[in-house]
Protein backbone atom coordinates (compact mmCIF):
# COMPACT_ATOMS: atom_id res chain seq x y z
CA MET A 1 51.52 30.85 -17.97
CA LEU A 2 47.80 29.65 -17.64
CA ASP A 3 44.58 31.23 -19.06
CA THR A 4 41.37 31.35 -16.80
CA ARG A 5 38.22 31.41 -18.72
CA ARG A 6 34.49 30.86 -17.79
CA HIS A 7 31.13 31.32 -19.13
CA VAL A 8 31.30 33.97 -21.95
CA ARG A 9 29.72 35.57 -24.63
CA PRO A 10 30.85 37.65 -27.49
CA VAL A 11 29.40 41.11 -28.03
CA SER A 12 29.57 43.60 -30.86
CA SER A 13 32.00 46.20 -31.42
CA GLN A 14 29.54 48.75 -31.33
CA ALA A 15 28.11 47.55 -27.85
CA LEU A 16 31.57 47.48 -26.45
CA LEU A 17 32.59 51.08 -27.60
CA GLY A 18 28.95 52.20 -26.27
CA SER A 19 29.54 50.38 -22.85
CA LEU A 20 32.98 52.33 -22.69
CA PHE A 21 31.46 55.62 -23.35
CA LEU A 22 28.46 55.00 -20.94
CA ALA A 23 30.77 53.79 -18.44
CA GLY A 24 31.55 57.34 -17.56
CA LEU A 25 28.09 58.36 -17.10
CA ILE A 26 27.10 56.50 -13.70
CA SER A 27 24.98 58.55 -11.78
CA PRO A 28 25.78 59.52 -8.20
CA ALA A 29 22.34 57.91 -7.12
CA SER A 30 22.90 54.65 -8.78
CA ALA A 31 26.57 54.53 -7.30
CA GLN A 32 25.03 54.99 -3.84
CA THR A 33 23.03 51.85 -4.30
CA LEU A 34 26.25 49.66 -4.55
CA PRO A 35 28.10 47.99 -1.81
CA ASP A 36 30.61 50.18 0.08
CA GLY A 37 34.16 49.45 1.05
CA PRO A 38 33.44 48.17 4.56
CA SER A 39 30.80 45.75 3.13
CA ILE A 40 33.32 44.65 0.43
CA ALA A 41 36.09 44.18 2.90
CA ALA A 42 33.61 42.15 5.27
CA TYR A 43 32.60 40.15 2.30
CA ALA A 44 36.39 39.39 0.97
CA GLU A 45 37.22 38.01 4.74
CA GLN A 46 34.13 35.77 4.50
CA LEU A 47 35.02 34.33 1.04
CA LEU A 48 38.74 33.73 2.23
CA ASP A 49 37.32 31.84 5.34
CA GLU A 50 35.03 29.82 3.25
CA GLN A 51 38.04 28.69 0.96
CA LYS A 52 39.91 27.88 4.30
CA LEU A 53 42.86 30.15 3.42
CA GLY A 54 45.04 30.62 6.42
CA ARG A 55 47.25 33.24 7.70
CA ASP A 56 50.43 31.23 8.22
CA GLY A 57 51.06 29.95 4.56
CA PRO A 58 51.23 31.48 1.05
CA GLY A 59 48.31 34.14 0.53
CA VAL A 60 46.66 36.44 -1.82
CA ALA A 61 46.46 40.30 -2.31
CA ILE A 62 43.25 41.81 -3.28
CA LEU A 63 42.05 45.14 -4.57
CA VAL A 64 38.71 46.01 -5.54
CA ALA A 65 37.67 49.35 -6.95
CA ARG A 66 34.95 51.37 -8.72
CA GLY A 67 36.31 53.84 -11.08
CA GLU A 68 38.72 56.04 -9.27
CA HIS A 69 37.81 54.88 -5.76
CA VAL A 70 39.45 51.85 -4.03
CA LEU A 71 36.77 49.94 -2.23
CA TYR A 72 38.97 47.33 -0.66
CA ARG A 73 42.50 46.77 -0.47
CA GLY A 74 44.07 43.90 1.56
CA ALA A 75 45.95 40.74 1.86
CA ARG A 76 46.05 37.53 3.72
CA GLY A 77 48.94 35.03 4.43
CA MET A 78 52.66 35.23 4.13
CA ALA A 79 55.01 36.92 1.63
CA SER A 80 57.98 34.93 2.88
CA LEU A 81 57.48 31.84 5.03
CA GLU A 82 61.44 31.60 5.37
CA LEU A 83 61.55 35.11 7.07
CA GLY A 84 58.10 35.17 8.58
CA VAL A 85 57.17 38.13 6.59
CA PRO A 86 53.17 38.80 6.34
CA LEU A 87 51.72 39.50 2.89
CA SER A 88 50.42 42.95 2.39
CA PRO A 89 48.72 44.50 -0.82
CA ASP A 90 51.85 46.62 -1.48
CA GLN A 91 54.01 43.47 -2.42
CA ALA A 92 55.00 42.78 -6.10
CA PHE A 93 54.09 39.36 -7.60
CA ARG A 94 54.74 37.68 -10.99
CA ILE A 95 51.51 38.05 -12.98
CA GLY A 96 52.15 35.14 -15.58
CA SER A 97 49.83 35.37 -18.66
CA VAL A 98 48.37 38.74 -17.62
CA THR A 99 51.41 39.95 -19.45
CA LYS A 100 49.99 39.08 -22.74
CA GLN A 101 47.40 41.88 -22.19
CA PHE A 102 50.42 44.34 -21.94
CA ALA A 103 52.09 42.80 -25.10
CA ALA A 104 48.92 42.70 -27.12
CA ALA A 105 48.31 46.49 -26.13
CA ALA A 106 51.86 47.37 -27.35
CA LEU A 107 51.47 45.67 -30.71
CA LEU A 108 48.17 47.47 -31.10
CA LYS A 109 49.76 50.71 -30.38
CA LEU A 110 52.39 50.07 -33.01
CA ILE A 111 49.49 49.42 -35.39
CA ASP A 112 47.95 52.68 -34.34
CA GLU A 113 51.10 54.59 -35.35
CA GLY A 114 50.89 52.84 -38.79
CA ARG A 115 54.01 50.68 -38.05
CA ALA A 116 52.15 47.46 -38.71
CA ARG A 117 48.86 45.70 -39.54
CA LEU A 118 46.72 43.00 -38.13
CA ASP A 119 46.70 41.20 -41.31
CA ASP A 120 50.54 41.49 -41.87
CA PRO A 121 52.15 37.99 -42.37
CA LEU A 122 54.58 37.09 -39.43
CA ALA A 123 57.23 36.61 -42.38
CA LYS A 124 57.33 40.42 -42.77
CA TYR A 125 58.80 40.70 -39.33
CA LEU A 126 60.58 37.24 -38.98
CA PRO A 127 61.44 36.30 -42.70
CA ALA A 128 63.11 33.00 -41.59
CA TYR A 129 60.27 31.58 -39.47
CA PRO A 130 58.63 28.55 -41.17
CA GLN A 131 55.33 28.94 -42.93
CA GLY A 132 55.45 32.67 -41.63
CA ASP A 133 53.81 34.00 -44.65
CA LYS A 134 50.74 31.97 -43.84
CA ILE A 135 50.41 33.36 -40.14
CA SER A 136 49.22 36.69 -39.46
CA LEU A 137 49.64 39.04 -36.41
CA LEU A 138 45.80 39.00 -35.62
CA GLN A 139 46.33 35.08 -35.36
CA LEU A 140 49.02 35.34 -32.83
CA LEU A 141 47.16 37.70 -30.78
CA ASN A 142 44.18 35.60 -30.44
CA HIS A 143 45.59 32.02 -30.46
CA THR A 144 44.45 30.95 -33.90
CA SER A 145 47.78 30.57 -35.40
CA GLY A 146 48.20 26.73 -34.91
CA ILE A 147 51.87 27.00 -33.74
CA LYS A 148 52.62 24.53 -31.07
CA SER A 149 52.88 26.02 -27.65
CA TYR A 150 56.55 25.56 -26.45
CA THR A 151 55.08 25.01 -22.70
CA GLY A 152 53.15 21.87 -24.24
CA ILE A 153 56.40 20.16 -25.57
CA PRO A 154 56.74 17.06 -23.43
CA GLY A 155 59.35 17.72 -20.62
CA TYR A 156 59.80 21.44 -21.39
CA MET A 157 58.38 22.64 -18.01
CA ALA A 158 61.04 20.78 -16.23
CA ASN A 159 64.75 21.71 -16.22
CA PRO A 160 64.74 23.32 -19.78
CA VAL A 161 62.79 26.48 -18.36
CA ARG A 162 65.68 27.28 -16.13
CA ARG A 163 68.05 28.15 -19.16
CA GLU A 164 68.53 31.75 -20.11
CA LEU A 165 67.72 32.28 -23.72
CA SER A 166 67.52 34.96 -26.23
CA THR A 167 64.24 35.72 -28.04
CA ALA A 168 65.90 34.01 -31.17
CA GLN A 169 66.88 30.80 -29.15
CA LEU A 170 63.46 30.74 -27.55
CA ILE A 171 61.69 30.73 -30.84
CA ASP A 172 64.21 27.81 -32.06
CA GLU A 173 62.74 25.72 -29.40
CA PHE A 174 59.20 25.46 -30.99
CA LYS A 175 59.41 26.78 -34.68
CA ASN A 176 59.90 23.51 -36.03
CA GLN A 177 57.36 21.64 -34.10
CA PRO A 178 54.31 20.25 -35.89
CA ALA A 179 51.49 22.72 -35.97
CA ASP A 180 48.35 21.75 -34.19
CA PHE A 181 46.22 23.27 -37.10
CA ALA A 182 46.26 25.19 -40.27
CA PRO A 183 46.39 29.06 -39.34
CA GLY A 184 43.03 30.41 -38.74
CA GLN A 185 41.26 27.07 -38.65
CA GLY A 186 41.16 26.63 -35.01
CA TRP A 187 41.67 28.04 -31.59
CA LEU A 188 44.09 26.79 -28.93
CA TYR A 189 45.75 28.80 -26.04
CA ASN A 190 49.39 29.28 -27.08
CA ASN A 191 52.21 30.63 -25.29
CA SER A 192 54.35 30.52 -28.37
CA GLY A 193 52.10 33.09 -30.31
CA TYR A 194 52.93 35.73 -27.63
CA VAL A 195 56.81 35.08 -27.70
CA LEU A 196 56.27 35.74 -31.43
CA VAL A 197 54.20 38.84 -30.57
CA GLY A 198 57.31 39.92 -28.49
CA ALA A 199 59.59 39.21 -31.23
CA VAL A 200 57.42 41.36 -33.72
CA ILE A 201 57.67 44.29 -31.33
CA GLU A 202 61.26 43.85 -31.23
CA ALA A 203 61.49 43.76 -35.05
CA ILE A 204 59.44 46.84 -35.43
CA THR A 205 61.29 48.98 -32.65
CA GLY A 206 64.77 47.74 -32.50
CA LYS A 207 64.48 47.15 -28.74
CA PRO A 208 63.67 44.44 -26.44
CA TRP A 209 59.98 43.81 -26.30
CA HIS A 210 59.80 44.87 -22.49
CA GLN A 211 61.90 47.88 -23.17
CA TYR A 212 59.45 49.22 -25.58
CA ILE A 213 56.53 48.48 -23.38
CA ASN A 214 58.05 50.21 -20.59
CA GLU A 215 59.01 53.40 -22.60
CA ALA A 216 55.59 53.58 -24.58
CA MET A 217 53.15 52.74 -21.91
CA LEU A 218 54.48 52.10 -18.33
CA ALA A 219 56.70 54.92 -17.76
CA PRO A 220 54.59 57.74 -19.16
CA ASN A 221 52.00 56.42 -16.97
CA GLN A 222 53.90 56.16 -13.64
CA LEU A 223 53.44 52.32 -13.49
CA ALA A 224 57.05 51.86 -12.01
CA ARG A 225 56.36 48.73 -10.22
CA THR A 226 55.29 46.89 -13.40
CA GLY A 227 57.23 45.26 -16.18
CA TYR A 228 60.07 42.83 -16.80
CA PRO A 229 62.28 41.65 -13.66
CA GLY A 230 65.24 40.18 -15.51
CA GLU A 231 67.41 37.77 -14.19
CA THR A 232 69.09 39.24 -11.31
CA ARG A 233 67.41 42.79 -10.59
CA VAL A 234 66.34 43.22 -6.99
CA ILE A 235 62.54 44.05 -6.88
CA LYS A 236 61.65 45.95 -3.67
CA GLY A 237 58.71 44.20 -1.99
CA MET A 238 58.59 41.19 -4.09
CA ALA A 239 56.77 38.17 -2.65
CA SER A 240 58.39 34.56 -2.61
CA GLY A 241 56.61 32.06 -4.77
CA TYR A 242 55.45 28.79 -3.61
CA GLY A 243 53.93 25.42 -4.67
CA ALA A 244 52.93 22.12 -3.20
CA ASP A 245 54.01 18.65 -3.06
CA PRO A 246 51.85 15.85 -1.74
CA ALA A 247 54.65 14.31 0.48
CA GLN A 248 56.31 17.66 1.56
CA GLY A 249 53.33 20.15 1.74
CA VAL A 250 54.25 23.74 0.83
CA ILE A 251 57.37 24.02 -1.24
CA VAL A 252 59.49 26.54 -3.01
CA ASP A 253 58.23 26.31 -6.50
CA ASN A 254 60.56 25.15 -9.35
CA MET A 255 63.15 27.80 -10.70
CA ILE A 256 62.36 29.40 -14.05
CA SER A 257 64.46 32.03 -16.05
CA MET A 258 62.31 34.89 -16.80
CA THR A 259 63.71 34.89 -20.37
CA GLN A 260 61.53 31.96 -21.01
CA PRO A 261 57.92 33.00 -20.15
CA HIS A 262 58.81 36.31 -22.38
CA ALA A 263 55.98 38.39 -23.66
CA ALA A 264 53.53 35.64 -22.83
CA GLY A 265 53.97 35.74 -18.96
CA ALA A 266 57.25 37.52 -17.72
CA PHE A 267 55.96 40.66 -16.14
CA VAL A 268 55.61 41.50 -12.35
CA SER A 269 53.21 43.90 -10.84
CA THR A 270 51.13 44.96 -7.85
CA VAL A 271 47.42 45.06 -7.18
CA ASP A 272 47.36 48.80 -7.32
CA GLU A 273 49.29 49.17 -10.78
CA LEU A 274 47.24 46.55 -12.53
CA TRP A 275 43.98 48.42 -11.32
CA ARG A 276 45.42 51.67 -12.97
CA TRP A 277 46.24 49.54 -15.94
CA ASN A 278 42.57 48.74 -16.07
CA ARG A 279 41.72 52.52 -15.75
CA LEU A 280 44.17 53.48 -18.65
CA LEU A 281 43.35 50.52 -21.15
CA HIS A 282 39.62 50.58 -20.81
CA GLY A 283 39.33 54.18 -20.21
CA GLY A 284 40.64 54.85 -23.67
CA LYS A 285 43.98 56.21 -22.72
CA LEU A 286 46.37 53.83 -24.71
CA LEU A 287 44.77 52.91 -27.76
CA SER A 288 42.44 54.10 -30.60
CA PRO A 289 38.73 53.21 -30.29
CA ALA A 290 39.05 50.84 -33.19
CA SER A 291 42.11 48.95 -32.05
CA TYR A 292 40.49 48.93 -28.24
CA ALA A 293 37.26 47.31 -29.86
CA ARG A 294 39.47 44.70 -31.70
CA MET A 295 41.23 43.83 -28.50
CA VAL A 296 37.99 43.06 -26.38
CA THR A 297 35.97 41.61 -29.12
CA PRO A 298 36.29 37.79 -30.03
CA GLU A 299 36.32 36.93 -33.66
CA GLY A 300 36.71 34.26 -36.05
CA LYS A 301 37.66 30.79 -34.52
CA ALA A 302 38.30 32.73 -31.24
CA SER A 303 34.50 33.58 -31.04
CA ALA A 304 33.85 30.10 -29.32
CA ALA A 305 36.57 30.65 -26.66
CA ASN A 306 35.49 34.16 -26.30
CA TYR A 307 38.87 35.49 -26.60
CA GLY A 308 40.10 38.65 -27.83
CA PHE A 309 43.70 39.64 -27.71
CA GLY A 310 45.00 39.14 -24.25
CA ILE A 311 41.54 39.61 -22.76
CA ALA A 312 38.66 37.18 -22.51
CA SER A 313 35.12 38.63 -23.12
CA GLN A 314 32.75 37.10 -20.48
CA THR A 315 29.41 37.84 -18.56
CA LEU A 316 29.05 38.31 -14.88
CA ARG A 317 25.46 38.35 -13.49
CA GLY A 318 24.48 39.61 -16.89
CA GLN A 319 27.08 42.41 -17.27
CA THR A 320 29.94 42.41 -19.51
CA LEU A 321 33.36 41.24 -18.01
CA TYR A 322 36.78 41.58 -19.28
CA GLN A 323 38.99 39.09 -17.67
CA HIS A 324 42.33 37.37 -17.84
CA GLY A 325 44.25 35.03 -15.55
CA GLY A 326 47.63 33.89 -15.31
CA GLY A 327 49.94 31.09 -13.68
CA ILE A 328 53.59 30.66 -13.57
CA ASN A 329 56.03 29.22 -11.26
CA GLY A 330 55.00 30.17 -7.51
CA PHE A 331 52.42 32.61 -8.54
CA VAL A 332 48.72 32.98 -9.91
CA SER A 333 47.08 36.02 -10.94
CA SER A 334 43.51 37.31 -12.02
CA LEU A 335 42.68 40.58 -13.60
CA ALA A 336 39.08 41.47 -14.12
CA TYR A 337 36.99 44.65 -15.22
CA MET A 338 33.34 45.41 -15.65
CA PRO A 339 32.86 48.34 -17.89
CA GLN A 340 29.12 49.21 -16.83
CA THR A 341 30.40 50.21 -13.27
CA GLN A 342 33.88 50.71 -13.88
CA THR A 343 34.56 47.79 -11.30
CA SER A 344 38.26 46.35 -11.14
CA VAL A 345 38.95 43.15 -9.24
CA VAL A 346 42.58 42.30 -8.76
CA LEU A 347 43.99 39.00 -7.17
CA LEU A 348 47.63 37.91 -6.95
CA ARG A 349 48.54 34.92 -5.13
CA ASN A 350 52.03 33.66 -4.13
CA SER A 351 51.45 29.78 -4.49
CA THR A 352 50.28 27.59 -7.21
CA GLY A 353 49.32 24.80 -4.90
CA PRO A 354 45.58 24.02 -3.87
CA GLY A 355 43.76 25.62 -1.60
CA LEU A 356 42.39 28.81 -3.27
CA ASN A 357 40.05 29.32 -6.32
CA LEU A 358 40.98 32.66 -7.68
CA ASP A 359 38.36 32.45 -10.42
CA LEU A 360 35.61 31.78 -8.18
CA LEU A 361 36.96 34.52 -5.50
CA SER A 362 37.00 36.90 -8.25
CA ARG A 363 33.48 36.30 -9.55
CA LYS A 364 31.98 36.44 -6.20
CA LEU A 365 33.82 39.72 -5.44
CA GLY A 366 32.88 41.25 -8.53
CA ALA A 367 29.20 40.13 -8.30
CA PHE A 368 29.18 41.67 -4.82
CA ALA A 369 30.78 45.01 -5.77
CA ILE A 370 28.25 45.37 -8.63
CA GLY A 371 25.29 44.91 -6.48
CA HIS A 372 24.37 41.36 -7.63
CA LYS A 373 25.83 38.93 -4.86
CA TYR A 374 25.35 35.12 -5.72
CA ALA A 375 23.05 33.75 -3.42
CA GLU A 376 24.23 31.89 -0.36
CA LEU A 377 24.32 28.05 -0.64
CA GLN A 378 21.55 26.21 1.43
CA PRO A 379 22.31 22.42 1.12
CA ILE A 380 19.65 20.34 2.10
CA ALA A 381 20.24 16.52 3.01
CA MET A 382 19.68 13.73 0.61
CA THR A 383 20.26 9.98 1.08
CA ALA A 384 22.34 7.99 -1.30
CA ALA A 385 19.13 6.29 -2.61
CA GLN A 386 17.80 9.65 -3.64
CA LEU A 387 21.07 10.78 -5.07
CA LYS A 388 21.02 7.54 -7.36
CA ALA A 389 18.11 9.01 -9.14
CA PHE A 390 20.35 11.59 -10.91
CA GLU A 391 23.12 9.00 -11.93
CA GLY A 392 23.65 8.85 -15.69
CA VAL A 393 25.37 9.97 -18.62
CA TYR A 394 24.51 13.41 -20.02
CA ALA A 395 25.34 15.00 -23.39
CA LEU A 396 25.26 18.70 -24.37
CA ASP A 397 26.19 17.90 -28.07
CA ASP A 398 27.89 14.81 -29.76
CA LYS A 399 31.31 16.00 -28.38
CA GLN A 400 30.58 17.03 -24.88
CA THR A 401 29.40 14.66 -22.14
CA ARG A 402 29.42 14.55 -18.32
CA MET A 403 28.60 11.66 -15.85
CA LEU A 404 26.72 12.05 -12.78
CA ALA A 405 27.54 9.04 -10.15
CA VAL A 406 27.24 8.93 -6.38
CA GLN A 407 30.88 8.18 -4.58
CA ASP A 408 30.87 8.00 -0.79
CA GLY A 409 27.45 9.26 -0.22
CA ARG A 410 28.07 12.36 -2.33
CA LEU A 411 26.80 12.91 -5.96
CA MET A 412 29.79 13.87 -8.23
CA SER A 413 29.96 15.38 -11.87
CA THR A 414 32.73 14.35 -14.20
CA ARG A 415 32.96 16.10 -17.39
CA GLY A 416 34.42 14.20 -20.27
CA GLY A 417 38.30 14.24 -19.96
CA GLY A 418 37.84 16.24 -16.52
CA ARG A 419 37.97 15.63 -12.61
CA PRO A 420 35.13 14.74 -10.62
CA VAL A 421 33.50 17.67 -8.89
CA ALA A 422 31.09 17.48 -5.81
CA LEU A 423 27.60 18.57 -6.26
CA LEU A 424 25.55 20.01 -3.45
CA PRO A 425 21.91 19.51 -3.16
CA VAL A 426 20.09 22.83 -2.72
CA GLY A 427 16.52 21.65 -3.61
CA PRO A 428 14.63 18.54 -4.47
CA ASP A 429 15.92 18.68 -8.18
CA GLU A 430 18.71 21.54 -7.95
CA PHE A 431 22.38 21.11 -7.33
CA ALA A 432 25.32 23.63 -7.10
CA PHE A 433 28.80 22.68 -8.11
CA GLU A 434 31.11 22.86 -5.17
CA MET A 435 33.66 25.77 -5.29
CA SER A 436 31.75 27.28 -8.29
CA VAL A 437 28.88 29.51 -8.94
CA ALA A 438 27.48 27.00 -11.41
CA ARG A 439 24.17 24.87 -10.77
CA PHE A 440 21.73 22.97 -12.39
CA LYS A 441 18.05 21.91 -12.43
CA ALA A 442 17.07 18.36 -13.05
CA GLN A 443 14.21 17.80 -15.41
CA ARG A 444 11.86 14.83 -15.15
CA ASP A 445 9.57 13.25 -17.60
CA GLY A 446 5.90 12.10 -16.69
CA ALA A 447 7.09 8.99 -14.74
CA GLY A 448 9.34 10.97 -12.63
CA LYS A 449 12.58 9.93 -14.30
CA VAL A 450 15.57 12.53 -14.48
CA VAL A 451 15.96 12.92 -18.43
CA ALA A 452 17.87 16.23 -18.60
CA LEU A 453 19.75 18.86 -16.83
CA ALA A 454 19.33 22.58 -17.27
CA LEU A 455 22.78 23.88 -16.40
CA TYR A 456 23.46 27.69 -15.52
CA GLN A 457 27.19 28.36 -15.66
CA ASP A 458 26.66 31.78 -13.93
CA GLY A 459 23.99 30.53 -11.60
CA GLU A 460 21.26 32.14 -13.64
CA GLY A 461 20.63 33.46 -17.02
CA ALA A 462 20.75 31.21 -20.17
CA ALA A 463 20.73 27.52 -19.48
CA GLU A 464 22.55 24.68 -21.24
CA ASP A 465 20.55 21.68 -22.12
CA TRP A 466 22.38 18.50 -21.03
CA LYS A 467 20.19 15.43 -22.20
CA ARG A 468 20.42 12.08 -20.42
CA SER A 469 21.97 9.78 -22.98
CA GLY A 470 22.49 6.64 -21.00
CA ASP A 471 23.20 4.66 -17.77
CA LEU A 472 26.58 4.67 -16.07
CA PRO A 473 29.22 2.27 -17.50
CA VAL A 474 29.86 -0.64 -15.46
CA VAL A 475 33.30 -0.70 -14.41
CA THR A 476 34.92 -3.88 -12.84
CA THR A 477 38.45 -3.56 -11.46
CA ILE A 478 41.01 -6.24 -10.89
CA ALA A 479 44.13 -6.43 -8.82
CA LEU A 480 47.33 -6.76 -10.95
CA SER A 481 50.28 -9.14 -9.65
CA PRO A 482 53.76 -7.48 -9.30
CA GLU A 483 54.69 -9.15 -12.56
CA GLN A 484 51.73 -7.47 -14.63
CA GLN A 485 52.45 -4.29 -13.10
CA GLN A 486 56.33 -4.68 -13.91
CA ALA A 487 55.22 -5.15 -17.68
CA LEU A 488 53.65 -1.59 -17.67
CA ILE A 489 56.14 0.46 -15.78
CA GLY A 490 58.08 2.73 -17.87
CA GLU A 491 58.21 6.11 -19.63
CA TYR A 492 56.09 6.62 -22.71
CA GLN A 493 56.01 9.85 -24.98
CA SER A 494 54.54 11.27 -27.98
CA PRO A 495 55.28 14.92 -29.48
CA GLN A 496 52.44 16.25 -27.57
CA PHE A 497 52.52 14.59 -23.91
CA GLN A 498 54.60 12.17 -21.96
CA ILE A 499 53.53 10.04 -19.02
CA LYS A 500 55.80 7.98 -16.36
CA VAL A 501 54.02 4.74 -15.01
CA PHE A 502 55.51 3.58 -11.84
CA ARG A 503 54.92 1.56 -8.59
CA ASP A 504 55.34 3.53 -5.36
CA GLU A 505 56.36 2.49 -1.78
CA GLN A 506 53.14 0.97 -1.08
CA GLY A 507 52.98 -1.19 -4.45
CA VAL A 508 50.41 0.97 -5.93
CA LEU A 509 50.56 1.42 -9.59
CA ARG A 510 50.67 5.20 -10.52
CA GLY A 511 51.05 7.56 -13.45
CA GLN A 512 52.62 11.05 -13.59
CA ALA A 513 52.91 13.62 -16.22
CA PRO A 514 55.78 16.33 -16.18
CA GLY A 515 54.95 18.90 -13.55
CA GLN A 516 51.90 17.07 -12.21
CA PRO A 517 51.09 15.08 -9.17
CA ALA A 518 50.97 11.26 -9.53
CA PHE A 519 47.52 9.77 -9.99
CA GLU A 520 46.55 6.11 -9.04
CA LEU A 521 46.12 3.89 -11.80
CA LYS A 522 43.06 1.18 -11.54
CA ALA A 523 43.05 -1.85 -13.80
CA THR A 524 40.00 -3.41 -15.49
CA THR A 525 42.28 -5.89 -17.48
CA PRO A 526 46.00 -6.35 -17.29
CA LEU A 527 46.27 -3.96 -20.31
CA ASN A 528 43.48 -1.48 -19.72
CA LEU A 529 43.70 1.09 -17.00
CA TYR A 530 41.95 4.08 -15.97
CA VAL A 531 42.55 7.13 -13.76
CA ALA A 532 40.03 7.43 -10.61
CA GLN A 533 40.79 11.27 -10.39
CA VAL A 534 40.27 12.15 -13.93
CA ASP A 535 38.24 10.85 -16.86
CA ALA A 536 40.96 9.12 -18.53
CA LYS A 537 41.88 5.54 -19.80
CA LEU A 538 45.21 4.13 -20.60
CA ASP A 539 45.39 1.11 -22.94
CA PHE A 540 48.67 -0.62 -23.39
CA VAL A 541 50.07 -2.84 -26.03
CA LEU A 542 52.49 -5.64 -25.02
CA SER A 543 55.60 -6.71 -26.87
CA GLU A 544 58.02 -9.51 -25.96
CA GLY A 545 56.77 -9.40 -22.21
CA ARG A 546 56.42 -5.59 -21.76
CA ALA A 547 54.42 -2.84 -22.88
CA SER A 548 55.86 -0.93 -25.83
CA GLN A 549 52.84 1.31 -26.47
CA LEU A 550 50.39 3.50 -24.48
CA THR A 551 47.25 5.14 -25.80
CA LEU A 552 45.62 7.84 -23.59
CA LEU A 553 41.95 8.40 -24.04
CA GLN A 554 40.75 11.44 -22.35
CA GLY A 555 37.52 13.11 -23.28
CA PRO A 556 37.68 13.54 -27.20
CA ASN A 557 41.45 13.47 -27.16
CA LYS A 558 43.35 10.27 -27.92
CA LEU A 559 47.25 10.14 -27.83
CA VAL A 560 49.45 7.47 -28.74
CA MET A 561 52.79 7.05 -27.04
CA GLN A 562 55.70 4.91 -27.44
CA ARG A 563 58.02 3.56 -24.62
CA ARG A 564 61.14 5.44 -24.27
């Protein structure tokens, strides 16, 4: 139920309505200057080759369309490894959090019909919900309610997601969890909020949330392969979903009852029907102009995240881009729309494992389709000594930092709390981020020292100014004895998170969070460890010969966990 967001900017409702109207006025001459289907097909194959997506493992289905015309429709990989069935663009996939777009539109349709208001309190529809009088429907839609996301409850994404639950039972799982912030006072992506959107739809209509969406929007528009799969329903052409394990390689991903993702992520669909959904939603066929404008326009605390209602408002090569991604057991999805040229890019993947960056693939295909292709990278050679000139700590503001450091002959960028990303030198003072469209140009002072980075998230346009704030911290690691390791081994938990610390078969101390791969822990002291793959530190407190408490420091976040 993941959301995928990149460089974004809010736009006014007038501009949004204007772009919707003008989208229908593309002249034939301008359309002819844009890439045709064969060109897009060849470029899609090139991008899949660049990301090294094979044909004998899980794959991806792709559709690129302009207006009513499909420009490219294809697939690579296998729909079923067990049966040896190749993937085709006809296959159905789970779409995860793209479901939120359908749920948001359904609630807005009810609002258009006068059956609800955005400023209605949740308590009007769910009277027993704690503090429901302080939470509005708008705050559920744009993730500003502060309600705890149930998918973030420690351990919940393991076996508990296999249970079949009613709407009321699912709400019981999170309704008494402590809030992340007061309603309207922050923004945090939240699956619980959309479960409640589904519950509100049920309270208004007296029907299951998915039944109402089908009757009100899907069936009337012949979207017969989009909707709720249920627990035992046979879905024609459904692709199998896979994951990855460091030891086993490709695996069948963990089971999940589809009652649990609910209106936050339970739908299945196809590339064709998601394209048609784009045409309906952004073509003014489903909602009033006022409701559509609210849906795609970030407001309040959601403005910083550029998030509307089930839609992120972004920019791509200077054009408006409406996008949402999804991730659920075995599947990843991306749905994008550019109103200026009525361009849709739909990507559906049947694996959550590494090996394919859907966001990068979507952006590059979208840029190519609108005639503004990203430049091909032309890396240049640099020695380790030359790369060291760029090492240091850089800050965007008092909360956001990144470190540039040379590792194994490559310059790496590690944002505070994030993972190292390789940088490719493409000029004497210019670097591109590997598997990204972002790049930066270094700025030097009169003495030739690097003092700042002008970072372009979309490869061009407005730049972020990252100023050099200091040298790299000096880190000296030590080897822990088996006894010192044993004192730290155990499971640690807080209301927000949990970590298991263990020693693998090779005697390496590792940490692992639920549903995530294990990571190696390195020690600077017997009680202070750090994660090499992520900018994170673990500080332990000893009591009677073993650790009783663990503090996780990752970026600006600090979590204190007790030994279970």
